[in-house]
Every structure is written in C-alpha cells, then in structure tokens.
C-alpha cells in the first residue's frame, strides 16, 4: 500500500510516472527561456515607453505653432522684482567679476 501511494505522489509531482526525475537539460532550457522572455518583455516595455513619449511630445510640440504663451510667461517672470535675466549685460558682467566663479574655472 505504501509503495503504491509513494508511486502516485511521484507521478503527481513530476507528471511522468516512468521517469520521476527532471532532466537538468530541461531545467536549463526553461531557465534560459524565462530569462529570454523577461529580457524581451523589458525591451518591449522600453520600446513602448519610448514610442508613447515621442507621440506625446510630437502632439504637444505641434499642437498650436502660433501659441506664444511660453514667451509671455518668461517676460512676466523677468519683469517681476528679484528675478534677473541671465543673458542681460549686467548679469554677465557681474559673473565675469565674480572671483569665486573664476577660481572654480581655474582662471
């Protein structure tokens, strides 16, 4: 009775009652297949994210070429007190006289 029960348990575990052990070659095959599929899935996800990023950027960039709201926002920001235009002559001149900045540059 015990031998019969042990045989049934081995058959249910391995699925093959005549050869209850798994082949090491099959284990390597399944592991490499899993690794390949995992890498392929990761690559496919990266490609999908790249494609959606490109389509979203294209839709945003080409939505309305006459829209100049970004220029208005920058102009409003520079007209506020405390915000300095980094490309103004005064800002560039003060940067050129900054000793700490020149020291960091090695000049």
PDB file of N, CA and C in Angstrom:
ATOM      1  N   UNK A   1       0.819  -1.186   0.000  1.00  0.00           N
ATOM      2  CA  UNK A   1       0.000   0.000   0.000  1.00  0.00           C
ATOM      3  C   UNK A   1       0.867   1.256   0.000  1.00  0.00           C
ATOM      4  N   UNK A   2       1.926   1.280   0.835  1.00  0.00           N
ATOM      5  CA  UNK A   2       2.808   2.434   0.922  1.00  0.00           C
ATOM      6  C   UNK A   2       3.540   2.663  -0.406  1.00  0.00           C
ATOM      7  N   UNK A   3       3.988   1.599  -1.047  1.00  0.00           N
ATOM      8  CA  UNK A   3       4.679   1.733  -2.322  1.00  0.00           C
ATOM      9  C   UNK A   3       3.760   2.317  -3.389  1.00  0.00           C
ATOM     10  N   UNK A   4       2.512   1.896  -3.361  1.00  0.00           N
ATOM     11  CA  UNK A   4       1.544   2.399  -4.334  1.00  0.00           C
ATOM     12  C   UNK A   4       1.278   3.881  -4.117  1.00  0.00           C
ATOM     13  N   UNK A   5       1.140   4.296  -2.855  1.00  0.00           N
ATOM     14  CA  UNK A   5       0.916   5.702  -2.523  1.00  0.00           C
ATOM     15  C   UNK A   5       2.134   6.552  -2.913  1.00  0.00           C
ATOM     16  N   UNK A   6       3.343   6.056  -2.637  1.00  0.00           N
ATOM     17  CA  UNK A   6       4.568   6.766  -2.998  1.00  0.00           C
ATOM     18  C   UNK A   6       4.670   6.918  -4.513  1.00  0.00           C
ATOM     19  N   UNK A   7       4.281   5.891  -5.232  1.00  0.00           N
ATOM     20  CA  UNK A   7       4.317   5.943  -6.687  1.00  0.00           C
ATOM     21  C   UNK A   7       3.340   6.985  -7.225  1.00  0.00           C
ATOM     22  N   UNK A   8       2.165   7.076  -6.623  1.00  0.00           N
ATOM     23  CA  UNK A   8       1.171   8.072  -7.042  1.00  0.00           C
ATOM     24  C   UNK A   8       1.661   9.492  -6.748  1.00  0.00           C
ATOM     25  N   UNK A   9       2.293   9.678  -5.598  1.00  0.00           N
ATOM     26  CA  UNK A   9       2.819  11.000  -5.258  1.00  0.00           C
ATOM     27  C   UNK A   9       3.930  11.423  -6.214  1.00  0.00           C
ATOM     28  N   UNK A  10       4.818  10.484  -6.558  1.00  0.00           N
ATOM     29  CA  UNK A  10       5.875  10.800  -7.511  1.00  0.00           C
ATOM     30  C   UNK A  10       5.291  11.138  -8.870  1.00  0.00           C
ATOM     31  N   UNK A  11       4.262  10.414  -9.259  1.00  0.00           N
ATOM     32  CA  UNK A  11       3.641  10.658 -10.560  1.00  0.00           C
ATOM     33  C   UNK A  11       2.961  12.026 -10.588  1.00  0.00           C
ATOM     34  N   UNK A  12       2.330  12.402  -9.493  1.00  0.00           N
ATOM     35  CA  UNK A  12       1.660  13.699  -9.471  1.00  0.00           C
ATOM     36  C   UNK A  12       2.653  14.854  -9.409  1.00  0.00           C
ATOM     37  N   UNK A  13       3.820  14.634  -8.787  1.00  0.00           N
ATOM     38  CA  UNK A  13       4.823  15.695  -8.708  1.00  0.00           C
ATOM     39  C   UNK A  13       5.523  15.919 -10.035  1.00  0.00           C
ATOM     40  N   UNK A  14       5.951  14.872 -10.677  1.00  0.00           N
ATOM     41  CA  UNK A  14       6.750  15.032 -11.884  1.00  0.00           C
ATOM     42  C   UNK A  14       5.917  14.998 -13.150  1.00  0.00           C
ATOM     43  N   UNK A  15       4.778  14.401 -13.109  1.00  0.00           N
ATOM     44  CA  UNK A  15       3.947  14.288 -14.302  1.00  0.00           C
ATOM     45  C   UNK A  15       4.363  13.128 -15.178  1.00  0.00           C
ATOM     46  N   UNK A  16       5.440  12.458 -14.816  1.00  0.00           N
ATOM     47  CA  UNK A  16       5.906  11.309 -15.583  1.00  0.00           C
ATOM     48  C   UNK A  16       6.172  10.182 -14.604  1.00  0.00           C
ATOM     49  N   UNK A  17       5.348   9.177 -14.625  1.00  0.00           N
ATOM     50  CA  UNK A  17       5.485   8.123 -13.615  1.00  0.00           C
ATOM     51  C   UNK A  17       6.588   7.142 -13.926  1.00  0.00           C
ATOM     52  N   UNK A  18       7.048   7.091 -15.167  1.00  0.00           N
ATOM     53  CA  UNK A  18       8.106   6.151 -15.518  1.00  0.00           C
ATOM     54  C   UNK A  18       9.487   6.733 -15.236  1.00  0.00           C
ATOM     55  N   UNK A  19       9.624   8.017 -15.324  1.00  0.00           N
ATOM     56  CA  UNK A  19      10.901   8.670 -15.059  1.00  0.00           C
ATOM     57  C   UNK A  19      10.621   9.877 -14.167  1.00  0.00           C
ATOM     58  N   UNK A  20      10.627   9.678 -12.844  1.00  0.00           N
ATOM     59  CA  UNK A  20      10.185  10.737 -11.936  1.00  0.00           C
ATOM     60  C   UNK A  20      11.138  11.931 -11.820  1.00  0.00           C
ATOM     61  N   UNK A  21      12.400  11.775 -12.220  1.00  0.00           N
ATOM     62  CA  UNK A  21      13.339  12.889 -12.078  1.00  0.00           C
ATOM     63  C   UNK A  21      13.235  13.817 -13.283  1.00  0.00           C
ATOM     64  N   UNK A  22      13.463  15.085 -13.027  1.00  0.00           N
ATOM     65  CA  UNK A  22      13.505  16.060 -14.116  1.00  0.00           C
ATOM     66  C   UNK A  22      14.884  16.038 -14.757  1.00  0.00           C
ATOM     67  N   UNK A  23      14.932  16.303 -16.024  1.00  0.00           N
ATOM     68  CA  UNK A  23      16.194  16.360 -16.733  1.00  0.00           C
ATOM     69  C   UNK A  23      16.855  17.711 -16.484  1.00  0.00           C
ATOM     70  N   UNK A  24      18.153  17.742 -16.189  1.00  0.00           N
ATOM     71  CA  UNK A  24      18.836  19.023 -15.995  1.00  0.00           C
ATOM     72  C   UNK A  24      18.838  19.876 -17.262  1.00  0.00           C
ATOM     73  N   UNK A  25      18.823  19.232 -18.404  1.00  0.00           N
ATOM     74  CA  UNK A  25      18.791  19.970 -19.660  1.00  0.00           C
ATOM     75  C   UNK A  25      17.468  20.716 -19.785  1.00  0.00           C
ATOM     76  N   UNK A  26      16.378  20.077 -19.372  1.00  0.00           N
ATOM     77  CA  UNK A  26      15.078  20.736 -19.418  1.00  0.00           C
ATOM     78  C   UNK A  26      15.041  21.928 -18.471  1.00  0.00           C
ATOM     79  N   UNK A  27      15.665  21.790 -17.294  1.00  0.00           N
ATOM     80  CA  UNK A  27      15.710  22.902 -16.353  1.00  0.00           C
ATOM     81  C   UNK A  27      16.485  24.079 -16.936  1.00  0.00           C
ATOM     82  N   UNK A  28      17.601  23.807 -17.596  1.00  0.00           N
ATOM     83  CA  UNK A  28      18.396  24.864 -18.207  1.00  0.00           C
ATOM     84  C   UNK A  28      17.600  25.521 -19.330  1.00  0.00           C
ATOM     85  N   UNK A  29      16.906  24.697 -20.112  1.00  0.00           N
ATOM     86  CA  UNK A  29      16.090  25.242 -21.197  1.00  0.00           C
ATOM     87  C   UNK A  29      15.004  26.168 -20.660  1.00  0.00           C
ATOM     88  N   UNK A  30      14.313  25.740 -19.639  1.00  0.00           N
ATOM     89  CA  UNK A  30      13.231  26.570 -19.107  1.00  0.00           C
ATOM     90  C   UNK A  30      13.778  27.838 -18.469  1.00  0.00           C
ATOM     91  N   UNK A  31      14.924  27.749 -17.794  1.00  0.00           N
ATOM     92  CA  UNK A  31      15.518  28.938 -17.178  1.00  0.00           C
ATOM     93  C   UNK A  31      15.974  29.933 -18.239  1.00  0.00           C
ATOM     94  N   UNK A  32      16.620  29.446 -19.284  1.00  0.00           N
ATOM     95  CA  UNK A  32      17.054  30.356 -20.338  1.00  0.00           C
ATOM     96  C   UNK A  32      15.853  30.950 -21.070  1.00  0.00           C
ATOM     97  N   UNK A  33      14.815  30.147 -21.222  1.00  0.00           N
ATOM     98  CA  UNK A  33      13.603  30.653 -21.869  1.00  0.00           C
ATOM     99  C   UNK A  33      12.963  31.746 -21.016  1.00  0.00           C
ATOM    100  N   UNK A  34      12.898  31.521 -19.695  1.00  0.00           N
ATOM    101  CA  UNK A  34      12.330  32.526 -18.795  1.00  0.00           C
ATOM    102  C   UNK A  34      13.171  33.802 -18.819  1.00  0.00           C
ATOM    103  N   UNK A  35      14.493  33.663 -18.787  1.00  0.00           N
ATOM    104  CA  UNK A  35      15.377  34.817 -18.810  1.00  0.00           C
ATOM    105  C   UNK A  35      15.233  35.581 -20.122  1.00  0.00           C
ATOM    106  N   UNK A  36      15.161  34.847 -21.225  1.00  0.00           N
ATOM    107  CA  UNK A  36      14.997  35.488 -22.529  1.00  0.00           C
ATOM    108  C   UNK A  36      13.673  36.233 -22.596  1.00  0.00           C
ATOM    109  N   UNK A  37      12.607  35.609 -22.148  1.00  0.00           N
ATOM    110  CA  UNK A  37      11.299  36.249 -22.200  1.00  0.00           C
ATOM    111  C   UNK A  37      11.228  37.457 -21.273  1.00  0.00           C
ATOM    112  N   UNK A  38      11.900  37.372 -20.130  1.00  0.00           N
ATOM    113  CA  UNK A  38      11.929  38.512 -19.216  1.00  0.00           C
ATOM    114  C   UNK A  38      12.668  39.685 -19.846  1.00  0.00           C
ATOM    115  N   UNK A  39      13.795  39.402 -20.486  1.00  0.00           N
ATOM    116  CA  UNK A  39      14.545  40.452 -21.166  1.00  0.00           C
ATOM    117  C   UNK A  39      13.784  41.011 -22.353  1.00  0.00           C
ATOM    118  N   UNK A  40      13.108  40.144 -23.073  1.00  0.00           N
ATOM    119  CA  UNK A  40      12.317  40.581 -24.215  1.00  0.00           C
ATOM    120  C   UNK A  40      11.159  41.462 -23.760  1.00  0.00           C
ATOM    121  N   UNK A  41      10.531  41.097 -22.650  1.00  0.00           N
ATOM    122  CA  UNK A  41       9.435  41.900 -22.120  1.00  0.00           C
ATOM    123  C   UNK A  41       9.933  43.268 -21.678  1.00  0.00           C
ATOM    124  N   UNK A  42      11.093  43.302 -21.042  1.00  0.00           N
ATOM    125  CA  UNK A  42      11.675  44.574 -20.603  1.00  0.00           C
ATOM    126  C   UNK A  42      11.999  45.451 -21.808  1.00  0.00           C
ATOM    127  N   UNK A  43      12.568  44.845 -22.850  1.00  0.00           N
ATOM    128  CA  UNK A  43      12.898  45.590 -24.064  1.00  0.00           C
ATOM    129  C   UNK A  43      11.625  46.107 -24.746  1.00  0.00           C
ATOM    130  N   UNK A  44      10.602  45.270 -24.792  1.00  0.00           N
ATOM    131  CA  UNK A  44       9.334  45.688 -25.405  1.00  0.00           C
ATOM    132  C   UNK A  44       8.711  46.838 -24.620  1.00  0.00           C
ATOM    133  N   UNK A  45       8.793  46.779 -23.301  1.00  0.00           N
ATOM    134  CA  UNK A  45       8.263  47.865 -22.474  1.00  0.00           C
ATOM    135  C   UNK A  45       9.025  49.156 -22.724  1.00  0.00           C
ATOM    136  N   UNK A  46      10.351  49.084 -22.836  1.00  0.00           N
ATOM    137  CA  UNK A  46      11.154  50.282 -23.126  1.00  0.00           C
ATOM    138  C   UNK A  46      10.796  50.868 -24.482  1.00  0.00           C
ATOM    139  N   UNK A  47      10.609  50.005 -25.484  1.00  0.00           N
ATOM    140  CA  UNK A  47      10.219  50.492 -26.803  1.00  0.00           C
ATOM    141  C   UNK A  47       8.843  51.145 -26.769  1.00  0.00           C
ATOM    142  N   UNK A  48       7.921  50.548 -26.031  1.00  0.00           N
ATOM    143  CA  UNK A  48       6.577  51.119 -25.929  1.00  0.00           C
ATOM    144  C   UNK A  48       6.616  52.476 -25.237  1.00  0.00           C
ATOM    145  N   UNK A  49       7.390  52.587 -24.146  1.00  0.00           N
ATOM    146  CA  UNK A  49       7.502  53.866 -23.439  1.00  0.00           C
ATOM    147  C   UNK A  49       8.140  54.924 -24.328  1.00  0.00           C
ATOM    148  N   UNK A  50       9.155  54.543 -25.092  1.00  0.00           N
ATOM    149  CA  UNK A  50       9.798  55.491 -25.988  1.00  0.00           C
ATOM    150  C   UNK A  50       8.813  55.973 -27.055  1.00  0.00           C
ATOM    151  N   UNK A  51       8.049  55.039 -27.604  1.00  0.00           N
ATOM    152  CA  UNK A  51       7.089  55.410 -28.647  1.00  0.00           C
ATOM    153  C   UNK A  51       6.015  56.342 -28.091  1.00  0.00           C
ATOM    154  N   UNK A  52       5.508  56.052 -26.896  1.00  0.00           N
ATOM    155  CA  UNK A  52       4.480  56.926 -26.321  1.00  0.00           C
ATOM    156  C   UNK A  52       5.062  58.289 -25.964  1.00  0.00           C
ATOM    157  N   UNK A  53       6.317  58.330 -25.490  1.00  0.00           N
ATOM    158  CA  UNK A  53       6.948  59.615 -25.207  1.00  0.00           C
ATOM    159  C   UNK A  53       7.091  60.453 -26.474  1.00  0.00           C
ATOM    160  N   UNK A  54       7.497  59.812 -27.553  1.00  0.00           N
ATOM    161  CA  UNK A  54       7.669  60.536 -28.814  1.00  0.00           C
ATOM    162  C   UNK A  54       6.332  61.046 -29.329  1.00  0.00           C
ATOM    163  N   UNK A  55       5.306  60.212 -29.270  1.00  0.00           N
ATOM    164  CA  UNK A  55       3.997  60.655 -29.767  1.00  0.00           C
ATOM    165  C   UNK A  55       3.424  61.759 -28.893  1.00  0.00           C
ATOM    166  N   UNK A  56       3.585  61.658 -27.582  1.00  0.00           N
ATOM    167  CA  UNK A  56       3.087  62.724 -26.699  1.00  0.00           C
ATOM    168  C   UNK A  56       3.841  64.029 -26.922  1.00  0.00           C
ATOM    169  N   UNK A  57       5.170  63.958 -27.089  1.00  0.00           N
ATOM    170  CA  UNK A  57       5.950  65.167 -27.338  1.00  0.00           C
ATOM    171  C   UNK A  57       5.568  65.783 -28.676  1.00  0.00           C
ATOM    172  N   UNK A  58       5.409  64.943 -29.693  1.00  0.00           N
ATOM    173  CA  UNK A  58       5.047  65.453 -31.016  1.00  0.00           C
ATOM    174  C   UNK A  58       3.688  66.128 -30.984  1.00  0.00           C
ATOM    175  N   UNK A  59       2.749  65.504 -30.289  1.00  0.00           N
ATOM    176  CA  UNK A  59       1.414  66.099 -30.176  1.00  0.00           C
ATOM    177  C   UNK A  59       1.484  67.438 -29.449  1.00  0.00           C
ATOM    178  N   UNK A  60       2.299  67.516 -28.403  1.00  0.00           N
ATOM    179  CA  UNK A  60       2.439  68.758 -27.645  1.00  0.00           C
ATOM    180  C   UNK A  60       3.163  69.829 -28.459  1.00  0.00           C
ATOM    181  N   UNK A  61       4.227  69.440 -29.151  1.00  0.00           N
ATOM    182  CA  UNK A  61       5.017  70.417 -29.896  1.00  0.00           C
ATOM    183  C   UNK A  61       4.276  70.961 -31.110  1.00  0.00           C
ATOM    184  N   UNK A  62       3.489  70.123 -31.741  1.00  0.00           N
ATOM    185  CA  UNK A  62       2.806  70.549 -32.952  1.00  0.00           C
ATOM    186  C   UNK A  62       1.352  70.921 -32.719  1.00  0.00           C
ATOM    187  N   UNK A  63       0.965  71.083 -31.476  1.00  0.00           N
ATOM    188  CA  UNK A  63      -0.442  71.347 -31.178  1.00  0.00           C
ATOM    189  C   UNK A  63      -0.895  72.687 -31.741  1.00  0.00           C
ATOM    190  N   UNK A  64      -0.152  73.762 -31.464  1.00  0.00           N
ATOM    191  CA  UNK A  64      -0.527  75.078 -31.957  1.00  0.00           C
ATOM    192  C   UNK A  64       0.744  75.895 -32.140  1.00  0.00           C
ATOM    193  N   UNK A  65       1.246  75.992 -33.369  1.00  0.00           N
ATOM    194  CA  UNK A  65       2.501  76.724 -33.569  1.00  0.00           C
ATOM    195  C   UNK A  65       2.399  78.222 -33.305  1.00  0.00           C
ATOM    196  N   UNK A  66       1.208  78.780 -33.338  1.00  0.00           N
ATOM    197  CA  UNK A  66       1.052  80.216 -33.078  1.00  0.00           C
ATOM    198  C   UNK A  66       0.928  80.530 -31.591  1.00  0.00           C
ATOM    199  N   UNK A  67       0.960  79.525 -30.752  1.00  0.00           N
ATOM    200  CA  UNK A  67       0.828  79.718 -29.311  1.00  0.00           C
ATOM    201  C   UNK A  67       2.145  80.261 -28.752  1.00  0.00           C
ATOM    202  N   UNK A  68       2.117  81.500 -28.269  1.00  0.00           N
ATOM    203  CA  UNK A  68       3.308  82.141 -27.707  1.00  0.00           C
ATOM    204  C   UNK A  68       3.176  82.360 -26.209  1.00  0.00           C
ATOM    205  N   UNK A  69       2.425  81.521 -25.553  1.00  0.00           N
ATOM    206  CA  UNK A  69       2.211  81.722 -24.119  1.00  0.00           C
ATOM    207  C   UNK A  69       3.502  81.544 -23.324  1.00  0.00           C
ATOM    208  N   UNK A  70       4.398  80.686 -23.808  1.00  0.00           N
ATOM    209  CA  UNK A  70       5.656  80.483 -23.087  1.00  0.00           C
ATOM    210  C   UNK A  70       6.498  81.759 -23.082  1.00  0.00           C
ATOM    211  N   UNK A  71       6.475  82.520 -24.181  1.00  0.00           N
ATOM    212  CA  UNK A  71       7.211  83.797 -24.218  1.00  0.00           C
ATOM    213  C   UNK A  71       6.603  84.807 -23.262  1.00  0.00           C
ATOM    214  N   UNK A  72       5.281  84.827 -23.158  1.00  0.00           N
ATOM    215  CA  UNK A  72       4.614  85.747 -22.233  1.00  0.00           C
ATOM    216  C   UNK A  72       4.935  85.400 -20.788  1.00  0.00           C
ATOM    217  N   UNK A  73       4.992  84.125 -20.465  1.00  0.00           N
ATOM    218  CA  UNK A  73       5.314  83.697 -19.097  1.00  0.00           C
ATOM    219  C   UNK A  73       6.736  84.125 -18.739  1.00  0.00           C
ATOM    220  N   UNK A  74       7.683  83.947 -19.663  1.00  0.00           N
ATOM    221  CA  UNK A  74       9.070  84.344 -19.405  1.00  0.00           C
ATOM    222  C   UNK A  74       9.182  85.850 -19.251  1.00  0.00           C
ATOM    223  N   UNK A  75       8.477  86.622 -20.095  1.00  0.00           N
ATOM    224  CA  UNK A  75       8.509  88.085 -19.986  1.00  0.00           C
ATOM    225  C   UNK A  75       7.935  88.553 -18.656  1.00  0.00           C
ATOM    226  N   UNK A  76       6.833  87.948 -18.226  1.00  0.00           N
ATOM    227  CA  UNK A  76       6.249  88.308 -16.922  1.00  0.00           C
ATOM    228  C   UNK A  76       7.212  87.987 -15.791  1.00  0.00           C
ATOM    229  N   UNK A  77       7.904  86.884 -15.907  1.00  0.00           N
ATOM    230  CA  UNK A  77       8.845  86.480 -14.875  1.00  0.00           C
ATOM    231  C   UNK A  77      10.016  87.452 -14.782  1.00  0.00           C
ATOM    232  N   UNK A  78      10.523  87.931 -15.922  1.00  0.00           N
ATOM    233  CA  UNK A  78      11.653  88.856 -15.906  1.00  0.00           C
ATOM    234  C   UNK A  78      11.243  90.255 -15.465  1.00  0.00           C
ATOM    235  N   UNK A  79       9.983  90.610 -15.595  1.00  0.00           N
ATOM    236  CA  UNK A  79       9.538  91.937 -15.161  1.00  0.00           C
ATOM    237  C   UNK A  79       9.265  91.998 -13.661  1.00  0.00           C
ATOM    238  N   UNK A  80       9.142  90.856 -13.012  1.00  0.00           N
ATOM    239  CA  UNK A  80       8.955  90.848 -11.557  1.00  0.00           C
ATOM    240  C   UNK A  80      10.256  91.257 -10.879  1.00  0.00           C
ATOM    241  N   UNK A  81      10.136  91.776  -9.678  1.00  0.00           N
ATOM    242  CA  UNK A  81      11.327  92.172  -8.932  1.00  0.00           C
ATOM    243  C   UNK A  81      12.003  90.933  -8.359  1.00  0.00           C
ATOM    244  N   UNK A  82      13.311  90.930  -8.361  1.00  0.00           N
ATOM    245  CA  UNK A  82      14.062  89.834  -7.775  1.00  0.00           C
ATOM    246  C   UNK A  82      14.468  88.773  -8.779  1.00  0.00           C
ATOM    247  N   UNK A  83      13.898  88.800  -9.973  1.00  0.00           N
ATOM    248  CA  UNK A  83      14.270  87.831 -10.999  1.00  0.00           C
ATOM    249  C   UNK A  83      15.174  88.538 -12.002  1.00  0.00           C
ATOM    250  N   UNK A  84      16.361  87.977 -12.216  1.00  0.00           N
ATOM    251  CA  UNK A  84      17.357  88.598 -13.082  1.00  0.00           C
ATOM    252  C   UNK A  84      17.457  87.799 -14.376  1.00  0.00           C
ATOM    253  N   UNK A  85      17.482  88.513 -15.480  1.00  0.00           N
ATOM    254  CA  UNK A  85      17.669  87.867 -16.774  1.00  0.00           C
ATOM    255  C   UNK A  85      19.126  87.405 -16.869  1.00  0.00           C
ATOM    256  N   UNK A  86      19.370  86.102 -17.014  1.00  0.00           N
ATOM    257  CA  UNK A  86      20.764  85.626 -17.015  1.00  0.00           C
ATOM    258  C   UNK A  86      21.542  86.054 -18.247  1.00  0.00           C
ATOM    259  N   UNK A  87      20.862  86.502 -19.287  1.00  0.00           N
ATOM    260  CA  UNK A  87      21.547  86.897 -20.510  1.00  0.00           C
ATOM    261  C   UNK A  87      21.698  88.404 -20.646  1.00  0.00           C
ATOM    262  N   UNK A  88      21.322  89.141 -19.625  1.00  0.00           N
ATOM    263  CA  UNK A  88      21.495  90.594 -19.686  1.00  0.00           C
ATOM    264  C   UNK A  88      22.976  90.934 -19.520  1.00  0.00           C
ATOM    265  N   UNK A  89      23.357  92.112 -20.010  1.00  0.00           N
ATOM    266  CA  UNK A  89      24.756  92.522 -19.947  1.00  0.00           C
ATOM    267  C   UNK A  89      25.234  92.693 -18.509  1.00  0.00           C
ATOM    268  N   UNK A  90      24.365  93.224 -17.645  1.00  0.00           N
ATOM    269  CA  UNK A  90      24.747  93.422 -16.241  1.00  0.00           C
ATOM    270  C   UNK A  90      25.026  92.092 -15.548  1.00  0.00           C
ATOM    271  N   UNK A  91      24.183  91.100 -15.806  1.00  0.00           N
ATOM    272  CA  UNK A  91      24.370  89.795 -15.170  1.00  0.00           C
ATOM    273  C   UNK A  91      25.648  89.132 -15.654  1.00  0.00           C
ATOM    274  N   UNK A  92      25.934  89.215 -16.944  1.00  0.00           N
ATOM    275  CA  UNK A  92      27.164  88.627 -17.481  1.00  0.00           C
ATOM    276  C   UNK A  92      28.405  89.350 -16.967  1.00  0.00           C
ATOM    277  N   UNK A  93      28.320  90.665 -16.837  1.00  0.00           N
ATOM    278  CA  UNK A  93      29.456  91.433 -16.328  1.00  0.00           C
ATOM    279  C   UNK A  93      29.729  91.096 -14.861  1.00  0.00           C
ATOM    280  N   UNK A  94      28.683  91.007 -14.054  1.00  0.00           N
ATOM    281  CA  UNK A  94      28.879  90.669 -12.643  1.00  0.00           C
ATOM    282  C   UNK A  94      29.413  89.240 -12.491  1.00  0.00           C
ATOM    283  N   UNK A  95      29.017  88.373 -13.396  1.00  0.00           N
ATOM    284  CA  UNK A  95      29.529  86.998 -13.357  1.00  0.00           C
ATOM    285  C   UNK A  95      31.005  86.964 -13.740  1.00  0.00           C
ATOM    286  N   UNK A  96      31.403  87.811 -14.670  1.00  0.00           N
ATOM    287  CA  UNK A  96      32.807  87.832 -15.079  1.00  0.00           C
ATOM    288  C   UNK A  96      33.706  88.420 -13.999  1.00  0.00           C
ATOM    289  N   UNK A  97      33.156  89.198 -13.075  1.00  0.00           N
ATOM    290  CA  UNK A  97      33.953  89.772 -11.979  1.00  0.00           C
ATOM    291  C   UNK A  97      33.875  88.943 -10.701  1.00  0.00           C
ATOM    292  N   UNK A  98      33.109  87.874 -10.709  1.00  0.00           N
ATOM    293  CA  UNK A  98      32.944  87.031  -9.531  1.00  0.00           C
ATOM    294  C   UNK A  98      34.216  86.196  -9.333  1.00  0.00           C
ATOM    295  N   UNK A  99      34.950  86.502  -8.250  1.00  0.00           N
ATOM    296  CA  UNK A  99      36.234  85.840  -8.006  1.00  0.00           C
ATOM    297  C   UNK A  99      36.069  84.348  -7.728  1.00  0.00           C
ATOM    298  N   UNK A 100      35.042  84.000  -7.002  1.00  0.00           N
ATOM    299  CA  UNK A 100      34.818  82.590  -6.671  1.00  0.00           C
ATOM    300  C   UNK A 100      34.519  81.787  -7.937  1.00  0.00           C
ATOM    301  N   UNK A 101      33.723  82.353  -8.847  1.00  0.00           N
ATOM    302  CA  UNK A 101      33.404  81.693 -10.103  1.00  0.00           C
ATOM    303  C   UNK A 101      34.656  81.516 -10.956  1.00  0.00           C
ATOM    304  N   UNK A 102      35.487  82.566 -11.013  1.00  0.00           N
ATOM    305  CA  UNK A 102      36.705  82.497 -11.801  1.00  0.00           C
ATOM    306  C   UNK A 102      37.690  81.483 -11.196  1.00  0.00           C
ATOM    307  N   UNK A 103      37.708  81.398  -9.868  1.00  0.00           N
ATOM    308  CA  UNK A 103      38.569  80.435  -9.210  1.00  0.00           C
ATOM    309  C   UNK A 103      38.125  79.009  -9.515  1.00  0.00           C
ATOM    310  N   UNK A 104      36.801  78.774  -9.534  1.00  0.00           N
ATOM    311  CA  UNK A 104      36.288  77.443  -9.886  1.00  0.00           C
ATOM    312  C   UNK A 104      36.632  77.067 -11.315  1.00  0.00           C
ATOM    313  N   UNK A 105      36.676  78.043 -12.197  1.00  0.00           N
ATOM    314  CA  UNK A 105      37.044  77.786 -13.585  1.00  0.00           C
ATOM    315  C   UNK A 105      38.555  77.595 -13.759  1.00  0.00           C
ATOM    316  N   UNK A 106      39.316  77.969 -12.748  1.00  0.00           N
ATOM    317  CA  UNK A 106      40.765  77.833 -12.806  1.00  0.00           C
ATOM    318  C   UNK A 106      41.438  79.025 -13.480  1.00  0.00           C
ATOM    319  N   UNK A 107      40.753  80.156 -13.495  1.00  0.00           N
ATOM    320  CA  UNK A 107      41.329  81.355 -14.114  1.00  0.00           C
ATOM    321  C   UNK A 107      41.891  82.307 -13.087  1.00  0.00           C
TER     322      UNK A 107
END
